[in-house]
């Protein structure tokens, strides 16, 4: 079995954060692949959505989910007012988030953990 994951060397801990996806931004496959390779580069689709991204008073990160045409994965972005992905998380199979049944199941899992 092959998976894609963010691997960290000797992590002290894994810190999960509450997030809220404020908007899904769809970009071309080419733009997505370029963004995936260089997330620190300034992007128009990030600067156009700066008002959607912030750290809420409840401690949740309000993000955009960037999806590339033809890709199942996605990238969560909270730019903190910048035009690049200052905070980002890779989301494998992010297309599955679009299904209401899976969203309800995900919320049930979150409720169990909390």
C-alpha atoms as a PDB file:
ATOM      1  CA  UNK A   1       0.000   0.000   0.000  1.00  0.00           C
ATOM      2  CA  UNK A   2       1.277   3.468  -0.855  1.00  0.00           C
ATOM      3  CA  UNK A   3       0.226   6.632   0.947  1.00  0.00           C
ATOM      4  CA  UNK A   4       1.203  10.273   0.904  1.00  0.00           C
ATOM      5  CA  UNK A   5       1.794  11.876   4.281  1.00  0.00           C
ATOM      6  CA  UNK A   6       3.617  14.725   5.940  1.00  0.00           C
ATOM      7  CA  UNK A   7       6.460  13.101   7.827  1.00  0.00           C
ATOM      8  CA  UNK A   8       8.312  15.024  10.542  1.00  0.00           C
ATOM      9  CA  UNK A   9      11.685  14.117  12.000  1.00  0.00           C
ATOM     10  CA  UNK A  10      11.544  13.473  15.752  1.00  0.00           C
ATOM     11  CA  UNK A  11       8.296  15.367  16.396  1.00  0.00           C
ATOM     12  CA  UNK A  12       7.809  16.418  20.006  1.00  0.00           C
ATOM     13  CA  UNK A  13       4.042  16.056  19.556  1.00  0.00           C
ATOM     14  CA  UNK A  14       1.327  16.249  16.965  1.00  0.00           C
ATOM     15  CA  UNK A  15      -0.873  19.289  17.499  1.00  0.00           C
ATOM     16  CA  UNK A  16      -4.300  18.989  15.954  1.00  0.00           C
ATOM     17  CA  UNK A  17      -6.126  22.252  15.362  1.00  0.00           C
ATOM     18  CA  UNK A  18      -9.796  22.961  14.855  1.00  0.00           C
ATOM     19  CA  UNK A  19     -10.390  24.295  11.374  1.00  0.00           C
ATOM     20  CA  UNK A  20     -13.336  25.651   9.458  1.00  0.00           C
ATOM     21  CA  UNK A  21     -13.291  25.559   5.676  1.00  0.00           C
ATOM     22  CA  UNK A  22     -14.723  28.903   4.620  1.00  0.00           C
ATOM     23  CA  UNK A  23     -14.373  28.368   0.888  1.00  0.00           C
ATOM     24  CA  UNK A  24     -13.221  25.742  -1.600  1.00  0.00           C
ATOM     25  CA  UNK A  25     -10.998  27.259  -4.285  1.00  0.00           C
ATOM     26  CA  UNK A  26     -10.679  25.300  -7.526  1.00  0.00           C
ATOM     27  CA  UNK A  27      -7.591  25.880  -9.664  1.00  0.00           C
ATOM     28  CA  UNK A  28      -6.140  24.206 -12.747  1.00  0.00           C
ATOM     29  CA  UNK A  29      -4.105  21.024 -12.430  1.00  0.00           C
ATOM     30  CA  UNK A  30      -0.953  22.864 -13.527  1.00  0.00           C
ATOM     31  CA  UNK A  31      -1.448  25.658 -10.985  1.00  0.00           C
ATOM     32  CA  UNK A  32      -2.161  23.109  -8.246  1.00  0.00           C
ATOM     33  CA  UNK A  33       0.990  21.125  -8.981  1.00  0.00           C
ATOM     34  CA  UNK A  34       3.067  24.335  -8.979  1.00  0.00           C
ATOM     35  CA  UNK A  35       1.465  25.405  -5.679  1.00  0.00           C
ATOM     36  CA  UNK A  36       2.076  21.951  -4.186  1.00  0.00           C
ATOM     37  CA  UNK A  37       5.775  22.184  -5.088  1.00  0.00           C
ATOM     38  CA  UNK A  38       6.203  25.793  -3.904  1.00  0.00           C
ATOM     39  CA  UNK A  39       3.601  26.702  -1.268  1.00  0.00           C
ATOM     40  CA  UNK A  40       5.606  29.723  -0.061  1.00  0.00           C
ATOM     41  CA  UNK A  41       5.227  31.537  -3.393  1.00  0.00           C
ATOM     42  CA  UNK A  42       2.634  34.288  -3.510  1.00  0.00           C
ATOM     43  CA  UNK A  43      -0.566  33.197  -5.233  1.00  0.00           C
ATOM     44  CA  UNK A  44      -3.402  35.291  -6.676  1.00  0.00           C
ATOM     45  CA  UNK A  45      -6.026  32.791  -5.485  1.00  0.00           C
ATOM     46  CA  UNK A  46      -4.760  33.275  -1.919  1.00  0.00           C
ATOM     47  CA  UNK A  47      -4.635  37.073  -2.049  1.00  0.00           C
ATOM     48  CA  UNK A  48      -8.147  37.107  -3.581  1.00  0.00           C
ATOM     49  CA  UNK A  49      -9.430  35.177  -0.541  1.00  0.00           C
ATOM     50  CA  UNK A  50      -7.467  36.784   2.308  1.00  0.00           C
ATOM     51  CA  UNK A  51     -10.673  37.900   4.045  1.00  0.00           C
ATOM     52  CA  UNK A  52     -11.765  34.239   4.331  1.00  0.00           C
ATOM     53  CA  UNK A  53      -8.680  33.218   6.349  1.00  0.00           C
ATOM     54  CA  UNK A  54      -7.977  34.066   9.981  1.00  0.00           C
ATOM     55  CA  UNK A  55      -7.566  32.653  13.462  1.00  0.00           C
ATOM     56  CA  UNK A  56     -10.984  32.884  15.100  1.00  0.00           C
ATOM     57  CA  UNK A  57     -11.648  34.025  18.629  1.00  0.00           C
ATOM     58  CA  UNK A  58     -12.576  30.401  19.394  1.00  0.00           C
ATOM     59  CA  UNK A  59      -9.067  29.270  18.410  1.00  0.00           C
ATOM     60  CA  UNK A  60     -10.210  27.665  15.145  1.00  0.00           C
ATOM     61  CA  UNK A  61      -8.342  28.335  11.921  1.00  0.00           C
ATOM     62  CA  UNK A  62     -10.682  29.647   9.218  1.00  0.00           C
ATOM     63  CA  UNK A  63      -9.208  28.342   5.965  1.00  0.00           C
ATOM     64  CA  UNK A  64      -9.671  27.892   2.277  1.00  0.00           C
ATOM     65  CA  UNK A  65      -9.369  24.425   0.764  1.00  0.00           C
ATOM     66  CA  UNK A  66      -7.422  24.529  -2.497  1.00  0.00           C
ATOM     67  CA  UNK A  67      -8.375  21.823  -4.990  1.00  0.00           C
ATOM     68  CA  UNK A  68      -6.726  21.123  -8.323  1.00  0.00           C
ATOM     69  CA  UNK A  69      -8.683  19.935 -11.341  1.00  0.00           C
ATOM     70  CA  UNK A  70      -8.286  16.168 -11.641  1.00  0.00           C
ATOM     71  CA  UNK A  71      -6.705  15.802  -8.171  1.00  0.00           C
ATOM     72  CA  UNK A  72      -8.415  14.027  -5.274  1.00  0.00           C
ATOM     73  CA  UNK A  73      -6.220  15.666  -2.628  1.00  0.00           C
ATOM     74  CA  UNK A  74      -6.260  19.268  -1.486  1.00  0.00           C
ATOM     75  CA  UNK A  75      -4.388  21.812   0.592  1.00  0.00           C
ATOM     76  CA  UNK A  76      -5.845  23.747   3.525  1.00  0.00           C
ATOM     77  CA  UNK A  77      -4.493  27.285   3.718  1.00  0.00           C
ATOM     78  CA  UNK A  78      -4.646  29.983   6.384  1.00  0.00           C
ATOM     79  CA  UNK A  79      -2.480  32.791   5.065  1.00  0.00           C
ATOM     80  CA  UNK A  80      -2.621  35.078   8.116  1.00  0.00           C
ATOM     81  CA  UNK A  81      -3.043  38.060   5.792  1.00  0.00           C
ATOM     82  CA  UNK A  82      -0.251  37.134   3.375  1.00  0.00           C
ATOM     83  CA  UNK A  83      -0.522  36.026  -0.272  1.00  0.00           C
ATOM     84  CA  UNK A  84       1.226  32.697   0.385  1.00  0.00           C
ATOM     85  CA  UNK A  85       0.391  29.603   2.429  1.00  0.00           C
ATOM     86  CA  UNK A  86       1.731  30.741   5.806  1.00  0.00           C
ATOM     87  CA  UNK A  87      -0.128  27.854   7.484  1.00  0.00           C
ATOM     88  CA  UNK A  88      -0.999  24.855   5.345  1.00  0.00           C
ATOM     89  CA  UNK A  89      -1.978  21.216   5.616  1.00  0.00           C
ATOM     90  CA  UNK A  90      -2.070  18.545   2.966  1.00  0.00           C
ATOM     91  CA  UNK A  91      -5.433  16.743   2.888  1.00  0.00           C
ATOM     92  CA  UNK A  92      -5.390  13.364   1.129  1.00  0.00           C
ATOM     93  CA  UNK A  93      -8.624  12.471  -0.677  1.00  0.00           C
ATOM     94  CA  UNK A  94     -10.114  15.881   0.072  1.00  0.00           C
ATOM     95  CA  UNK A  95     -12.754  15.321  -2.623  1.00  0.00           C
ATOM     96  CA  UNK A  96     -14.471  12.974  -0.161  1.00  0.00           C
ATOM     97  CA  UNK A  97     -15.233  16.010   2.037  1.00  0.00           C
ATOM     98  CA  UNK A  98     -17.815  17.068  -0.539  1.00  0.00           C
ATOM     99  CA  UNK A  99     -20.108  14.174   0.368  1.00  0.00           C
ATOM    100  CA  UNK A 100     -22.612  15.109   3.127  1.00  0.00           C
ATOM    101  CA  UNK A 101     -22.695  11.520   4.468  1.00  0.00           C
ATOM    102  CA  UNK A 102     -18.937  11.507   4.967  1.00  0.00           C
ATOM    103  CA  UNK A 103     -19.064  14.965   6.516  1.00  0.00           C
ATOM    104  CA  UNK A 104     -21.591  13.746   9.113  1.00  0.00           C
ATOM    105  CA  UNK A 105     -19.456  10.652   9.783  1.00  0.00           C
ATOM    106  CA  UNK A 106     -16.387  12.865  10.208  1.00  0.00           C
ATOM    107  CA  UNK A 107     -18.262  15.044  12.716  1.00  0.00           C
ATOM    108  CA  UNK A 108     -19.310  11.942  14.661  1.00  0.00           C
ATOM    109  CA  UNK A 109     -15.652  10.863  14.850  1.00  0.00           C
ATOM    110  CA  UNK A 110     -14.636  14.322  16.064  1.00  0.00           C
ATOM    111  CA  UNK A 111     -17.351  14.236  18.728  1.00  0.00           C
ATOM    112  CA  UNK A 112     -16.116  10.835  19.926  1.00  0.00           C
ATOM    113  CA  UNK A 113     -12.557  12.096  20.298  1.00  0.00           C
ATOM    114  CA  UNK A 114     -13.585  15.268  22.134  1.00  0.00           C
END
